């Protein structure tokens, strides 16, 4: 028999990585990570009124919806197998004030949406935020006193808001305002109010990022913000600080951890999952979404392919799920097989 050993066989020691890449069936057989509809959380924007579907210019394909239209959209999401939604309100400007007091109205827009969704689509999870930025006249996530976002007074208020959101039917409270001690305070407040079954998904590592711009347009805070959020969000330069922040949330009773933004912080996703083992999520934020959409609209990338690739990368980085504005499009694509 003629020896057909090639130089490459000697170089690799007869180990060829491409053997398992040659055919579709072998590639499928050894696939390490897989994206399914079960991995998706759909962030949605709600506005006052009825019969409203209001496109957001900076986020092509994403709409603000009145509660009635949101309920219809959530029914579709549930039918596609999406496990949960995360709601964000865009309330009237005349209801916003220095302290975000509207967050403490039991029948405010976010709680109306929760109640309506849970009544119409009880099998989908509802995740709500207690940060004050949709409710303040200055666009900050907490109460502003002079030039300072006051920590403890803000915590007192978000605890009260969390209880009201749980009363309305929220399944998970996801506090994003990054105040010290908020996770433990919310846990104690929920338990004291009899909401032991309501979970907390901590925005454990929320970075002071440039990727939030389109979101701020969506909730109409971009023109309100006074200064920046560097005194309470984490610097993008600091990974170890982010881990310390997350560790405190774990100690205080967080049930799940979130990294925000997503793709620029895949290293943090991996570190959190490895360090704590809690269910770990990433928020593929508005700027990430809009970049993909804009490039695709210009014909610079294959939008669908990049959409799916980015979400799979979150899974590879250890995430159990992803909050993404692509959720419905992805679920439809997955349903087609």
Protein backbone atom coordinates (compact mmCIF):
# COMPACT_ATOMS: atom_id res chain seq x y z
CA UNK A 1 0.00 0.00 0.00
CA UNK A 2 1.30 3.41 -0.92
CA UNK A 3 1.94 5.56 2.12
CA UNK A 4 -0.23 8.65 1.65
CA UNK A 5 0.86 10.34 4.85
CA UNK A 6 1.18 14.06 4.19
CA UNK A 7 3.52 16.62 5.70
CA UNK A 8 0.46 18.07 7.46
CA UNK A 9 -0.09 14.71 9.25
CA UNK A 10 3.45 14.82 10.61
CA UNK A 11 3.06 18.45 11.69
CA UNK A 12 -0.26 17.88 13.47
CA UNK A 13 0.56 14.44 14.84
CA UNK A 14 -2.30 13.05 12.74
CA UNK A 15 -4.76 15.31 14.54
CA UNK A 16 -6.94 17.24 12.12
CA UNK A 17 -9.50 19.65 13.56
CA UNK A 18 -11.40 19.86 10.30
CA UNK A 19 -12.55 16.22 10.46
CA UNK A 20 -15.50 17.17 12.63
CA UNK A 21 -16.26 20.27 10.54
CA UNK A 22 -16.55 18.57 7.16
CA UNK A 23 -20.25 17.66 7.23
CA UNK A 24 -23.37 19.35 8.52
CA UNK A 25 -24.31 16.33 10.62
CA UNK A 26 -20.98 16.25 12.46
CA UNK A 27 -21.08 19.99 13.05
CA UNK A 28 -24.54 19.58 14.58
CA UNK A 29 -23.47 16.57 16.60
CA UNK A 30 -20.61 18.40 18.36
CA UNK A 31 -22.26 21.81 18.72
CA UNK A 32 -21.36 23.10 22.19
CA UNK A 33 -23.97 25.84 22.53
CA UNK A 34 -27.44 26.29 21.13
CA UNK A 35 -29.88 29.19 21.08
CA UNK A 36 -33.58 28.50 21.65
CA UNK A 37 -36.65 30.60 22.31
CA UNK A 38 -36.27 29.64 25.97
CA UNK A 39 -33.21 31.91 26.12
CA UNK A 40 -35.07 35.09 25.19
CA UNK A 41 -36.46 37.95 27.25
CA UNK A 42 -38.19 40.67 25.24
CA UNK A 43 -37.84 44.29 26.47
CA UNK A 44 -40.93 46.34 25.56
CA UNK A 45 -41.93 50.00 25.83
CA UNK A 46 -45.37 51.08 27.00
CA UNK A 47 -47.05 54.49 26.55
CA UNK A 48 -50.31 55.98 27.83
CA UNK A 49 -53.45 55.85 25.73
CA UNK A 50 -55.13 53.23 23.58
CA UNK A 51 -54.60 51.79 20.10
CA UNK A 52 -51.08 53.22 19.89
CA UNK A 53 -48.16 51.65 18.03
CA UNK A 54 -45.44 54.30 17.86
CA UNK A 55 -42.23 53.43 15.97
CA UNK A 56 -38.96 54.50 17.63
CA UNK A 57 -36.78 56.14 14.95
CA UNK A 58 -33.48 55.23 16.61
CA UNK A 59 -34.54 51.58 16.96
CA UNK A 60 -35.91 50.39 13.60
CA UNK A 61 -38.50 47.68 14.10
CA UNK A 62 -39.16 48.57 17.76
CA UNK A 63 -42.35 50.33 18.85
CA UNK A 64 -43.76 52.02 21.88
CA UNK A 65 -47.18 50.51 22.52
CA UNK A 66 -50.24 51.38 24.55
CA UNK A 67 -51.30 48.73 27.04
CA UNK A 68 -53.97 47.23 24.76
CA UNK A 69 -51.55 46.84 21.84
CA UNK A 70 -48.82 45.60 24.16
CA UNK A 71 -51.11 42.83 25.41
CA UNK A 72 -51.66 41.70 21.81
CA UNK A 73 -47.91 41.71 21.14
CA UNK A 74 -47.20 39.77 24.33
CA UNK A 75 -49.74 37.11 23.32
CA UNK A 76 -47.77 36.63 20.10
CA UNK A 77 -44.50 36.45 22.05
CA UNK A 78 -45.93 33.79 24.36
CA UNK A 79 -47.19 31.78 21.41
CA UNK A 80 -43.64 31.86 19.99
CA UNK A 81 -42.32 30.37 23.23
CA UNK A 82 -40.67 33.48 24.65
CA UNK A 83 -40.65 32.93 28.43
CA UNK A 84 -40.66 36.53 29.69
CA UNK A 85 -40.88 40.20 28.87
CA UNK A 86 -39.31 43.22 30.56
CA UNK A 87 -41.44 46.37 30.59
CA UNK A 88 -40.30 50.01 30.45
CA UNK A 89 -42.71 52.97 30.60
CA UNK A 90 -42.69 56.28 28.74
CA UNK A 91 -44.97 58.40 30.91
CA UNK A 92 -46.30 61.89 30.35
CA UNK A 93 -43.80 64.70 30.96
CA UNK A 94 -46.14 66.49 33.37
CA UNK A 95 -46.04 63.43 35.66
CA UNK A 96 -42.25 63.51 35.98
CA UNK A 97 -40.70 65.34 38.92
CA UNK A 98 -37.47 65.67 40.89
CA UNK A 99 -38.11 62.55 42.98
CA UNK A 100 -39.85 60.34 40.43
CA UNK A 101 -42.89 60.18 42.69
CA UNK A 102 -45.09 58.64 39.97
CA UNK A 103 -43.27 55.33 40.53
CA UNK A 104 -45.16 55.17 43.84
CA UNK A 105 -48.61 55.42 42.25
CA UNK A 106 -50.19 52.00 42.55
CA UNK A 107 -52.03 52.43 39.24
CA UNK A 108 -49.18 53.96 37.28
CA UNK A 109 -48.47 52.99 33.68
CA UNK A 110 -46.01 50.20 34.43
CA UNK A 111 -48.37 48.58 36.93
CA UNK A 112 -51.34 48.92 34.59
CA UNK A 113 -49.34 47.10 31.93
CA UNK A 114 -48.33 44.34 34.34
CA UNK A 115 -51.88 43.74 35.52
CA UNK A 116 -53.26 43.67 31.99
CA UNK A 117 -50.57 41.30 30.73
CA UNK A 118 -50.89 38.88 33.64
CA UNK A 119 -54.65 38.79 33.19
CA UNK A 120 -54.49 38.17 29.43
CA UNK A 121 -51.29 36.10 29.19
CA UNK A 122 -50.75 34.51 32.61
CA UNK A 123 -48.17 32.02 31.31
CA UNK A 124 -45.55 34.64 30.42
CA UNK A 125 -43.18 36.11 32.99
CA UNK A 126 -43.23 39.84 33.65
CA UNK A 127 -40.00 41.53 34.73
CA UNK A 128 -40.18 45.12 35.98
CA UNK A 129 -37.57 47.74 36.82
CA UNK A 130 -37.75 50.12 39.77
CA UNK A 131 -35.17 52.65 38.57
CA UNK A 132 -36.55 56.16 38.65
CA UNK A 133 -35.26 57.50 35.31
CA UNK A 134 -38.59 57.05 33.43
CA UNK A 135 -40.27 59.03 36.21
CA UNK A 136 -37.82 61.87 36.98
CA UNK A 137 -37.67 65.30 35.39
CA UNK A 138 -33.86 65.14 35.32
CA UNK A 139 -33.41 61.70 33.75
CA UNK A 140 -31.41 60.16 36.59
CA UNK A 141 -32.13 56.72 38.05
CA UNK A 142 -32.39 58.04 41.61
CA UNK A 143 -33.49 61.06 43.62
CA UNK A 144 -31.39 64.14 42.87
CA UNK A 145 -30.56 66.48 45.75
CA UNK A 146 -28.43 69.35 44.51
CA UNK A 147 -25.76 67.64 42.44
CA UNK A 148 -25.97 64.32 44.30
CA UNK A 149 -27.97 61.19 43.54
CA UNK A 150 -28.86 60.29 47.11
CA UNK A 151 -28.43 56.61 47.80
CA UNK A 152 -30.46 55.78 50.89
CA UNK A 153 -33.53 57.87 50.10
CA UNK A 154 -33.59 56.34 46.62
CA UNK A 155 -33.38 52.83 48.10
CA UNK A 156 -36.34 53.57 50.38
CA UNK A 157 -38.37 54.65 47.37
CA UNK A 158 -37.46 51.76 45.08
CA UNK A 159 -38.38 49.28 47.83
CA UNK A 160 -41.85 50.79 48.01
CA UNK A 161 -42.09 50.74 44.21
CA UNK A 162 -40.99 47.10 44.10
CA UNK A 163 -43.77 46.09 46.49
CA UNK A 164 -46.34 47.90 44.37
CA UNK A 165 -45.03 46.25 41.22
CA UNK A 166 -45.27 42.85 42.90
CA UNK A 167 -48.80 43.70 44.06
CA UNK A 168 -49.67 44.37 40.39
CA UNK A 169 -48.41 40.92 39.40
CA UNK A 170 -44.73 41.33 38.53
CA UNK A 171 -42.91 38.00 38.71
CA UNK A 172 -39.37 39.40 38.91
CA UNK A 173 -38.12 42.77 40.09
CA UNK A 174 -35.02 43.89 38.18
CA UNK A 175 -33.57 46.98 39.89
CA UNK A 176 -31.24 48.85 37.55
CA UNK A 177 -30.48 52.08 39.43
CA UNK A 178 -27.25 50.70 40.98
CA UNK A 179 -27.75 52.11 44.46
CA UNK A 180 -25.79 50.43 47.26
CA UNK A 181 -27.84 48.00 49.35
CA UNK A 182 -30.86 47.95 47.08
CA UNK A 183 -31.00 44.18 46.56
CA UNK A 184 -31.09 43.34 50.27
CA UNK A 185 -33.57 46.12 50.97
CA UNK A 186 -35.91 45.03 48.17
CA UNK A 187 -35.71 41.40 49.30
CA UNK A 188 -36.65 42.35 52.86
CA UNK A 189 -39.43 44.61 51.64
CA UNK A 190 -40.93 41.99 49.32
CA UNK A 191 -40.80 39.31 52.01
CA UNK A 192 -42.39 41.59 54.60
CA UNK A 193 -45.22 42.26 52.15
CA UNK A 194 -45.76 38.53 51.58
CA UNK A 195 -44.06 38.38 48.17
CA UNK A 196 -41.59 35.63 48.97
CA UNK A 197 -42.14 34.06 45.53
CA UNK A 198 -41.22 37.22 43.60
CA UNK A 199 -37.65 36.97 42.33
CA UNK A 200 -34.92 39.58 41.97
CA UNK A 201 -32.85 39.82 38.82
CA UNK A 202 -30.08 42.19 39.78
CA UNK A 203 -28.55 44.53 37.26
CA UNK A 204 -25.38 43.36 38.98
CA UNK A 205 -22.92 45.03 36.65
CA UNK A 206 -24.45 48.00 34.88
CA UNK A 207 -21.74 50.00 33.19
CA UNK A 208 -21.62 53.71 32.42
CA UNK A 209 -21.82 53.05 28.71
CA UNK A 210 -22.31 54.94 25.49
CA UNK A 211 -24.59 52.18 24.18
CA UNK A 212 -27.78 53.40 25.92
CA UNK A 213 -28.65 56.31 23.61
CA UNK A 214 -31.56 54.83 21.64
CA UNK A 215 -33.18 53.50 24.84
CA UNK A 216 -33.17 56.99 26.30
CA UNK A 217 -34.98 58.18 23.20
CA UNK A 218 -37.49 55.36 23.64
CA UNK A 219 -38.44 56.49 27.15
CA UNK A 220 -37.96 60.20 26.36
CA UNK A 221 -35.16 60.90 28.83
CA UNK A 222 -32.35 61.77 26.41
CA UNK A 223 -33.17 65.50 26.49
CA UNK A 224 -33.75 65.54 30.25
CA UNK A 225 -30.50 64.10 31.61
CA UNK A 226 -28.50 66.52 33.69
CA UNK A 227 -24.84 65.55 33.78
CA UNK A 228 -23.90 61.87 33.61
CA UNK A 229 -24.38 58.67 35.61
CA UNK A 230 -20.74 58.00 36.47
CA UNK A 231 -21.31 58.35 40.22
CA UNK A 232 -23.50 55.24 40.35
CA UNK A 233 -22.86 53.16 37.21
CA UNK A 234 -19.62 51.15 36.91
CA UNK A 235 -16.72 52.43 34.80
CA UNK A 236 -16.20 50.36 31.61
CA UNK A 237 -12.55 50.12 32.68
CA UNK A 238 -13.27 48.20 35.89
CA UNK A 239 -13.82 44.45 35.80
CA UNK A 240 -12.75 43.69 39.36
CA UNK A 241 -15.02 46.39 40.75
CA UNK A 242 -17.88 44.85 38.76
CA UNK A 243 -17.21 41.49 40.37
CA UNK A 244 -17.22 43.03 43.85
CA UNK A 245 -20.51 44.76 43.05
CA UNK A 246 -22.04 41.49 41.89
CA UNK A 247 -20.74 39.64 44.95
CA UNK A 248 -22.57 42.06 47.23
CA UNK A 249 -25.80 41.50 45.29
CA UNK A 250 -25.36 37.74 45.64
CA UNK A 251 -24.86 38.10 49.41
CA UNK A 252 -27.93 40.32 49.64
CA UNK A 253 -30.16 37.71 48.04
CA UNK A 254 -30.27 38.23 44.28
CA UNK A 255 -31.79 35.23 42.50
CA UNK A 256 -30.30 36.09 39.11
CA UNK A 257 -27.55 38.35 37.82
CA UNK A 258 -27.53 40.58 34.76
CA UNK A 259 -24.71 42.19 32.78
CA UNK A 260 -25.50 45.41 30.92
CA UNK A 261 -24.54 46.19 28.14
CA UNK A 262 -23.96 42.82 26.54
CA UNK A 263 -21.44 42.17 23.78
CA UNK A 264 -18.73 44.59 24.98
CA UNK A 265 -18.84 42.83 28.37
CA UNK A 266 -18.79 39.13 27.48
CA UNK A 267 -15.77 38.75 29.76
CA UNK A 268 -17.90 39.90 32.68
CA UNK A 269 -20.65 37.43 31.74
CA UNK A 270 -18.14 34.61 31.87
CA UNK A 271 -16.57 35.78 35.14
CA UNK A 272 -19.94 36.11 36.87
CA UNK A 273 -21.12 32.68 35.83
CA UNK A 274 -17.83 31.06 36.83
CA UNK A 275 -17.64 32.89 40.18
CA UNK A 276 -21.21 32.59 41.45
CA UNK A 277 -23.05 29.93 39.45
CA UNK A 278 -26.31 31.89 39.62
CA UNK A 279 -28.54 32.18 36.56
CA UNK A 280 -26.77 34.85 34.53
CA UNK A 281 -28.29 37.11 31.89
CA UNK A 282 -27.03 39.76 29.51
CA UNK A 283 -28.94 42.76 28.19
CA UNK A 284 -28.21 43.34 24.53
CA UNK A 285 -28.97 47.04 24.82
CA UNK A 286 -30.45 49.51 22.39
CA UNK A 287 -27.15 50.71 20.97
CA UNK A 288 -26.11 47.17 20.18
CA UNK A 289 -29.44 46.50 18.49
CA UNK A 290 -29.39 49.72 16.49
CA UNK A 291 -25.83 49.13 15.27
CA UNK A 292 -26.82 45.78 13.79
CA UNK A 293 -30.01 47.19 12.26
CA UNK A 294 -28.27 50.23 10.77
CA UNK A 295 -25.44 48.21 9.25
CA UNK A 296 -27.91 45.69 7.83
CA UNK A 297 -30.10 48.44 6.37
CA UNK A 298 -27.02 49.80 4.59
CA UNK A 299 -26.17 46.38 3.21
CA UNK A 300 -22.88 46.22 5.11
CA UNK A 301 -23.68 43.02 7.01
CA UNK A 302 -26.12 40.14 6.85
CA UNK A 303 -28.47 41.35 9.58
CA UNK A 304 -30.15 38.02 10.35
CA UNK A 305 -26.86 36.17 10.50
CA UNK A 306 -25.28 38.73 12.83
CA UNK A 307 -28.42 38.81 14.98
CA UNK A 308 -28.23 35.07 15.55
CA UNK A 309 -24.45 35.05 15.97
CA UNK A 310 -24.45 37.72 18.66
CA UNK A 311 -27.05 35.88 20.72
CA UNK A 312 -25.20 32.58 20.39
CA UNK A 313 -22.06 34.34 21.65
CA UNK A 314 -23.89 35.23 24.87
CA UNK A 315 -24.63 31.55 25.37
CA UNK A 316 -21.00 30.65 24.77
CA UNK A 317 -19.98 33.24 27.36
CA UNK A 318 -22.06 31.47 30.01
CA UNK A 319 -25.36 33.34 29.84
CA UNK A 320 -28.55 31.48 30.64
CA UNK A 321 -30.59 34.01 28.69
CA UNK A 322 -30.53 37.33 26.89
CA UNK A 323 -32.71 40.42 27.04
CA UNK A 324 -32.88 41.48 23.42
CA UNK A 325 -35.07 43.63 21.17
CA UNK A 326 -34.54 40.94 18.55
CA UNK A 327 -36.50 38.42 20.65
CA UNK A 328 -39.62 38.15 18.50
CA UNK A 329 -37.66 38.07 15.22
CA UNK A 330 -35.34 35.41 16.63
CA UNK A 331 -38.22 33.29 17.96
CA UNK A 332 -39.91 33.39 14.56
CA UNK A 333 -36.69 32.39 12.84
CA UNK A 334 -36.12 29.53 15.26
CA UNK A 335 -39.70 28.33 14.79
CA UNK A 336 -39.03 27.91 11.07
CA UNK A 337 -36.12 25.62 11.86
